[in-house]
Protein backbone atom coordinates (compact mmCIF):
# COMPACT_ATOMS: atom_id res chain seq x y z
CA UNK A 1 29.86 68.81 -16.92
CA UNK A 2 30.84 67.89 -20.56
CA UNK A 3 34.40 67.93 -21.79
CA UNK A 4 33.89 70.89 -24.12
CA UNK A 5 31.87 74.18 -24.06
CA UNK A 6 31.77 77.32 -26.02
CA UNK A 7 30.80 80.28 -24.01
CA UNK A 8 27.58 82.13 -24.74
CA UNK A 9 26.25 85.55 -23.70
CA UNK A 10 23.96 83.78 -21.26
CA UNK A 11 27.24 82.70 -19.44
CA UNK A 12 28.16 86.27 -18.51
CA UNK A 13 28.01 86.87 -14.82
CA UNK A 14 27.78 83.24 -13.97
CA UNK A 15 29.71 80.72 -11.85
CA UNK A 16 30.66 77.65 -13.92
CA UNK A 17 30.84 74.52 -11.67
CA UNK A 18 33.28 72.32 -13.81
CA UNK A 19 32.75 68.83 -12.49
CA UNK A 20 34.14 66.27 -14.91
CA UNK A 21 36.60 63.31 -14.59
CA UNK A 22 38.33 64.46 -17.78
CA UNK A 23 39.75 67.67 -19.05
CA UNK A 24 37.23 70.29 -19.77
CA UNK A 25 37.93 72.80 -22.58
CA UNK A 26 36.12 76.11 -22.49
CA UNK A 27 36.38 78.13 -25.65
CA UNK A 28 35.86 82.03 -25.62
CA UNK A 29 34.36 83.01 -28.90
CA UNK A 30 35.36 86.24 -30.53
CA UNK A 31 33.32 89.40 -30.34
CA UNK A 32 32.00 88.93 -33.96
CA UNK A 33 30.26 85.68 -32.74
CA UNK A 34 29.10 86.88 -29.30
CA UNK A 35 28.52 90.53 -28.39
CA UNK A 36 30.20 90.62 -25.14
CA UNK A 37 29.57 93.55 -22.84
CA UNK A 38 32.42 95.61 -21.34
CA UNK A 39 33.86 93.90 -18.19
CA UNK A 40 32.01 90.79 -18.72
CA UNK A 41 33.04 88.23 -16.12
CA UNK A 42 32.60 84.56 -15.75
CA UNK A 43 33.92 82.50 -12.97
CA UNK A 44 35.00 78.87 -13.09
CA UNK A 45 35.85 76.21 -10.46
CA UNK A 46 37.40 72.82 -11.01
CA UNK A 47 35.04 70.62 -8.95
CA UNK A 48 36.11 67.25 -10.47
CA UNK A 49 39.55 65.73 -11.21
CA UNK A 50 39.56 66.93 -14.68
CA UNK A 51 41.42 70.31 -15.18
CA UNK A 52 39.60 73.20 -16.81
CA UNK A 53 41.28 74.78 -19.81
CA UNK A 54 40.35 78.07 -21.26
CA UNK A 55 40.93 78.27 -24.97
CA UNK A 56 40.87 81.42 -27.10
CA UNK A 57 38.60 81.41 -30.16
CA UNK A 58 39.77 82.81 -33.35
CA UNK A 59 41.29 86.30 -32.83
CA UNK A 60 40.87 86.27 -28.97
CA UNK A 61 43.62 86.91 -26.62
CA UNK A 62 43.60 85.52 -23.05
CA UNK A 63 46.10 87.27 -20.85
CA UNK A 64 47.27 85.41 -17.66
CA UNK A 65 50.50 85.15 -15.66
CA UNK A 66 53.01 83.08 -17.36
CA UNK A 67 50.52 82.26 -20.09
CA UNK A 68 48.70 79.75 -17.84
CA UNK A 69 45.29 78.85 -19.09
CA UNK A 70 44.14 75.78 -16.86
CA UNK A 71 43.29 75.16 -13.35
CA UNK A 72 46.10 73.87 -11.19
CA UNK A 73 44.24 71.53 -8.81
CA UNK A 74 40.90 70.32 -7.85
CA UNK A 75 38.80 73.12 -6.14
CA UNK A 76 40.89 75.79 -7.94
CA UNK A 77 38.97 78.83 -9.06
CA UNK A 78 39.56 81.15 -11.95
CA UNK A 79 37.71 84.38 -12.97
CA UNK A 80 37.81 85.45 -16.48
CA UNK A 81 37.10 89.05 -17.22
CA UNK A 82 36.75 90.87 -20.65
CA UNK A 83 39.11 93.74 -20.73
CA UNK A 84 38.63 94.94 -24.36
CA UNK A 85 37.13 93.63 -27.67
CA UNK A 86 38.55 90.13 -28.07
CA UNK A 87 40.74 90.59 -24.99
CA UNK A 88 40.32 88.78 -21.62
CA UNK A 89 42.16 88.43 -18.40
CA UNK A 90 42.27 85.11 -16.55
CA UNK A 91 43.57 84.94 -13.00
CA UNK A 92 43.42 82.42 -10.14
CA UNK A 93 45.02 79.13 -9.23
CA UNK A 94 46.53 78.42 -12.58
CA UNK A 95 49.11 76.27 -14.32
CA UNK A 96 50.61 76.21 -17.75
């Protein structure tokens, strides 16, 4: 429920209920900092009025339609899936 968070290995396979009144920035750290497993997935939902923004750490690429990296509206969901080392796919109800 804070405004910033850096993902950790313990977040793998979890549902992140993001419920803040301000924008929440979630940083995806590089493989050098967290040894992510193949096809790791983390699900997010905007449950407060603050948008959820996914930010790539150093050397991390996050692919999404039109480069959108944040939730579009309250109750929007977005799964984040690791597709290769330092490469992730973000899908869902997103906006740029």
